[in-house]
Amino acid sequence: MDKTIYRKSSVSGTPVWRAVLCNVLGAALLVVGLVSAPGSSQAAERKLAFPVAGVVAKVMVQTGQQVKVGDALAQLDLTAFKALKDAADAGLRAAGQTLTFATQNRNRAKQLFDDLSTSAEELERAELKLVQAVADKVRAQAQAEIASWNLNRATLRAPSAGAVNSVPGYAGMVVDPAAAITTVVILSSP
């Protein structure tokens, strides 16, 4: 879940709003920018950075280029992101199968207990394994969602239409928002 925090400040006597887009997973920052106050004639400048760590594979824009909302600006090397996503998806499938087996096993144990063919202790063990299987599936689902989120954020996209002011990022550049915010593209919009 993302949320935007706006802080009012002043640059050259003109009121502006500083927008910071944060996410609940703790990835440092997606966009830091100065957005002109309503009615102002100043252009907004946004310093765009990746919210995930990685190595820039390619920068798809040049200084002066016009971009639309959602245009890809730069992309990290996706190898690790795809591998983690594949592993998380496989873990989720395995957790689903384990949950199915634990549910069937618990139902069998309950039937045997009702038929007086097994002890309460055996039924409790089966119920405990079912609870553990449910927890494992929830954990696997969270890992799959995080891996998907990271993969999607490995491509830097334009948050608004505008012109590319400068491109301080380059292929091979290492970015790590946990260590420092590294601007990859600076975008101006009217």
Protein backbone atom coordinates (compact mmCIF):
# COMPACT_ATOMS: atom_id res chain seq x y z
CA MET A 1 0.00 0.00 0.00
CA ASP A 2 1.47 3.35 -1.05
CA LYS A 3 0.74 6.70 0.48
CA THR A 4 1.79 10.21 -0.44
CA ILE A 5 2.83 12.77 2.14
CA TYR A 6 2.73 16.45 1.17
CA ARG A 7 4.76 19.10 2.98
CA LYS A 8 4.46 22.81 2.23
CA SER A 9 7.71 24.71 1.83
CA SER A 10 8.96 27.77 0.00
CA VAL A 11 11.48 28.04 -2.83
CA SER A 12 12.43 31.57 -3.93
CA GLY A 13 9.43 32.91 -2.03
CA THR A 14 6.99 30.79 -4.06
CA PRO A 15 5.00 28.23 -2.06
CA VAL A 16 5.52 24.67 -3.24
CA TRP A 17 4.49 21.27 -2.00
CA ARG A 18 7.06 18.56 -1.49
CA ALA A 19 5.56 15.18 -2.36
CA VAL A 20 7.05 12.02 -0.95
CA LEU A 21 5.63 8.68 -2.03
CA CYS A 22 6.36 6.01 0.57
CA ASN A 23 5.29 2.41 0.88
CA VAL A 24 4.49 0.34 3.95
CA LEU A 25 7.20 -2.21 3.13
CA GLY A 26 9.83 0.39 3.96
CA ALA A 27 11.29 0.91 0.50
CA ALA A 28 12.70 4.35 0.92
CA LEU A 29 11.32 6.53 -1.82
CA LEU A 30 9.82 6.42 -5.27
CA VAL A 31 9.50 10.09 -6.11
CA VAL A 32 10.76 13.24 -4.49
CA GLY A 33 9.62 16.37 -6.21
CA LEU A 34 8.72 19.98 -6.01
CA VAL A 35 5.19 20.61 -7.19
CA SER A 36 4.09 24.19 -7.77
CA ALA A 37 1.26 25.57 -5.75
CA PRO A 38 -2.09 25.78 -7.59
CA GLY A 39 -2.20 28.85 -9.82
CA SER A 40 1.59 29.15 -9.96
CA SER A 41 3.32 29.36 -13.34
CA GLN A 42 6.39 27.42 -12.18
CA ALA A 43 7.02 23.99 -13.66
CA ALA A 44 7.17 21.06 -11.28
CA GLU A 45 10.47 19.23 -11.06
CA ARG A 46 10.57 15.62 -9.95
CA LYS A 47 13.67 13.68 -9.08
CA LEU A 48 12.79 10.08 -9.85
CA ALA A 49 14.44 7.12 -8.14
CA PHE A 50 13.82 3.39 -7.80
CA PRO A 51 12.16 2.17 -4.59
CA VAL A 52 14.04 -1.15 -4.84
CA ALA A 53 17.74 -1.95 -4.91
CA GLY A 54 19.46 -3.21 -8.03
CA VAL A 55 21.67 -2.40 -10.98
CA VAL A 56 20.33 -0.15 -13.74
CA ALA A 57 20.18 -2.23 -16.93
CA LYS A 58 19.02 0.55 -19.24
CA VAL A 59 17.83 4.13 -19.32
CA MET A 60 15.19 4.59 -22.00
CA VAL A 61 14.98 8.41 -22.13
CA GLN A 62 17.23 11.31 -23.05
CA THR A 63 17.40 14.91 -21.91
CA GLY A 64 14.70 16.99 -23.60
CA GLN A 65 12.50 14.02 -24.47
CA GLN A 66 8.74 14.39 -23.86
CA VAL A 67 7.11 11.58 -21.86
CA LYS A 68 3.55 10.61 -20.99
CA VAL A 69 2.23 9.27 -17.71
CA GLY A 70 3.35 5.66 -17.28
CA ASP A 71 6.12 5.74 -19.89
CA ALA A 72 9.10 3.57 -18.94
CA LEU A 73 12.09 5.76 -18.10
CA ALA A 74 14.65 3.25 -16.81
CA GLN A 75 14.82 -0.39 -15.80
CA LEU A 76 16.87 -2.40 -13.36
CA ASP A 77 18.36 -5.77 -14.29
CA LEU A 78 15.33 -8.06 -13.86
CA THR A 79 17.20 -11.36 -13.46
CA ALA A 80 17.13 -11.46 -9.65
CA PHE A 81 13.60 -10.03 -9.46
CA LYS A 82 12.22 -12.68 -11.84
CA ALA A 83 14.05 -15.49 -10.02
CA LEU A 84 12.66 -14.37 -6.65
CA LYS A 85 9.17 -14.09 -8.15
CA ASP A 86 9.40 -17.60 -9.64
CA ALA A 87 10.65 -19.02 -6.32
CA ALA A 88 7.88 -17.25 -4.39
CA ASP A 89 5.23 -18.54 -6.81
CA ALA A 90 6.58 -22.11 -6.46
CA GLY A 91 6.55 -21.73 -2.67
CA LEU A 92 2.95 -20.58 -2.81
CA ARG A 93 1.93 -23.58 -4.93
CA ALA A 94 3.71 -25.94 -2.51
CA ALA A 95 2.04 -24.28 0.48
CA GLY A 96 -1.34 -24.71 -1.22
CA GLN A 97 -0.72 -28.43 -1.73
CA THR A 98 0.47 -28.81 1.87
CA LEU A 99 -2.68 -27.08 3.08
CA THR A 100 -4.86 -29.40 0.99
CA PHE A 101 -3.08 -32.45 2.43
CA ALA A 102 -3.30 -31.10 6.01
CA THR A 103 -7.03 -30.44 5.59
CA GLN A 104 -7.63 -33.98 4.31
CA ASN A 105 -5.51 -35.44 7.09
CA ARG A 106 -7.38 -33.45 9.74
CA ASN A 107 -10.73 -34.59 8.30
CA ARG A 108 -9.58 -38.24 8.38
CA ALA A 109 -8.38 -37.86 11.97
CA LYS A 110 -11.70 -36.28 12.96
CA GLN A 111 -13.63 -39.15 11.35
CA LEU A 112 -11.44 -41.74 13.10
CA PHE A 113 -11.88 -39.91 16.41
CA ASP A 114 -15.67 -39.81 15.93
CA ASP A 115 -15.59 -43.57 15.19
CA LEU A 116 -13.56 -44.09 18.39
CA SER A 117 -10.64 -45.44 16.32
CA THR A 118 -8.02 -42.85 17.32
CA SER A 119 -7.10 -40.72 20.31
CA ALA A 120 -7.80 -37.06 20.99
CA GLU A 121 -4.05 -36.53 20.88
CA GLU A 122 -3.89 -37.71 17.24
CA LEU A 123 -6.76 -35.41 16.32
CA GLU A 124 -5.03 -32.49 18.06
CA ARG A 125 -1.80 -33.20 16.15
CA ALA A 126 -3.70 -33.17 12.85
CA GLU A 127 -5.43 -29.91 13.80
CA LEU A 128 -2.11 -28.34 14.76
CA LYS A 129 -0.59 -29.34 11.39
CA LEU A 130 -3.60 -27.79 9.65
CA VAL A 131 -3.14 -24.50 11.54
CA GLN A 132 0.57 -24.54 10.63
CA ALA A 133 -0.28 -25.21 6.96
CA VAL A 134 -2.67 -22.23 6.93
CA ALA A 135 0.05 -20.00 8.41
CA ASP A 136 2.60 -21.29 5.86
CA LYS A 137 0.24 -20.51 2.99
CA VAL A 138 -0.39 -16.98 4.28
CA ARG A 139 3.37 -16.43 4.60
CA ALA A 140 3.95 -17.82 1.08
CA GLN A 141 1.21 -15.54 -0.30
CA ALA A 142 2.88 -12.52 1.31
CA GLN A 143 6.26 -13.49 -0.17
CA ALA A 144 4.70 -13.88 -3.62
CA GLU A 145 3.03 -10.47 -3.38
CA ILE A 146 6.25 -8.79 -2.22
CA ALA A 147 8.21 -10.44 -5.05
CA SER A 148 5.60 -9.26 -7.55
CA TRP A 149 5.67 -5.73 -6.09
CA ASN A 150 9.47 -5.62 -6.34
CA LEU A 151 9.42 -6.89 -9.93
CA ASN A 152 6.88 -4.23 -10.93
CA ARG A 153 8.92 -1.47 -9.27
CA ALA A 154 12.11 -2.50 -11.11
CA THR A 155 10.88 -0.37 -14.03
CA LEU A 156 10.86 3.37 -13.33
CA ARG A 157 7.79 5.00 -14.91
CA ALA A 158 6.85 8.62 -15.43
CA PRO A 159 4.40 9.73 -12.71
CA SER A 160 3.24 12.62 -14.91
CA ALA A 161 3.60 13.92 -18.44
CA GLY A 162 6.47 16.29 -19.04
CA ALA A 163 9.96 16.78 -20.37
CA VAL A 164 13.09 15.03 -19.18
CA ASN A 165 15.32 17.72 -17.60
CA SER A 166 18.35 15.52 -17.09
CA VAL A 167 19.36 11.89 -16.79
CA PRO A 168 21.94 11.42 -14.02
CA GLY A 169 21.37 7.64 -14.12
CA TYR A 170 23.24 5.26 -16.42
CA ALA A 171 23.44 1.55 -17.24
CA GLY A 172 25.51 -0.22 -14.60
CA MET A 173 24.62 2.27 -11.86
CA VAL A 174 23.94 0.58 -8.51
CA VAL A 175 20.89 1.88 -6.65
CA ASP A 176 19.94 1.07 -3.08
CA PRO A 177 17.20 3.22 -1.53
CA ALA A 178 18.01 1.81 1.91
CA ALA A 179 21.50 3.34 1.73
CA ALA A 180 20.83 6.55 -0.23
CA ILE A 181 18.24 7.89 -2.65
CA THR A 182 19.83 7.82 -6.09
CA THR A 183 18.14 10.05 -8.66
CA VAL A 184 17.96 8.35 -12.05
CA VAL A 185 15.81 10.81 -14.03
CA ILE A 186 14.74 14.41 -13.36
CA LEU A 187 11.39 15.25 -14.97
CA SER A 188 9.71 18.65 -15.38
CA SER A 189 6.00 18.98 -15.95
CA PRO A 190 3.92 22.10 -16.51
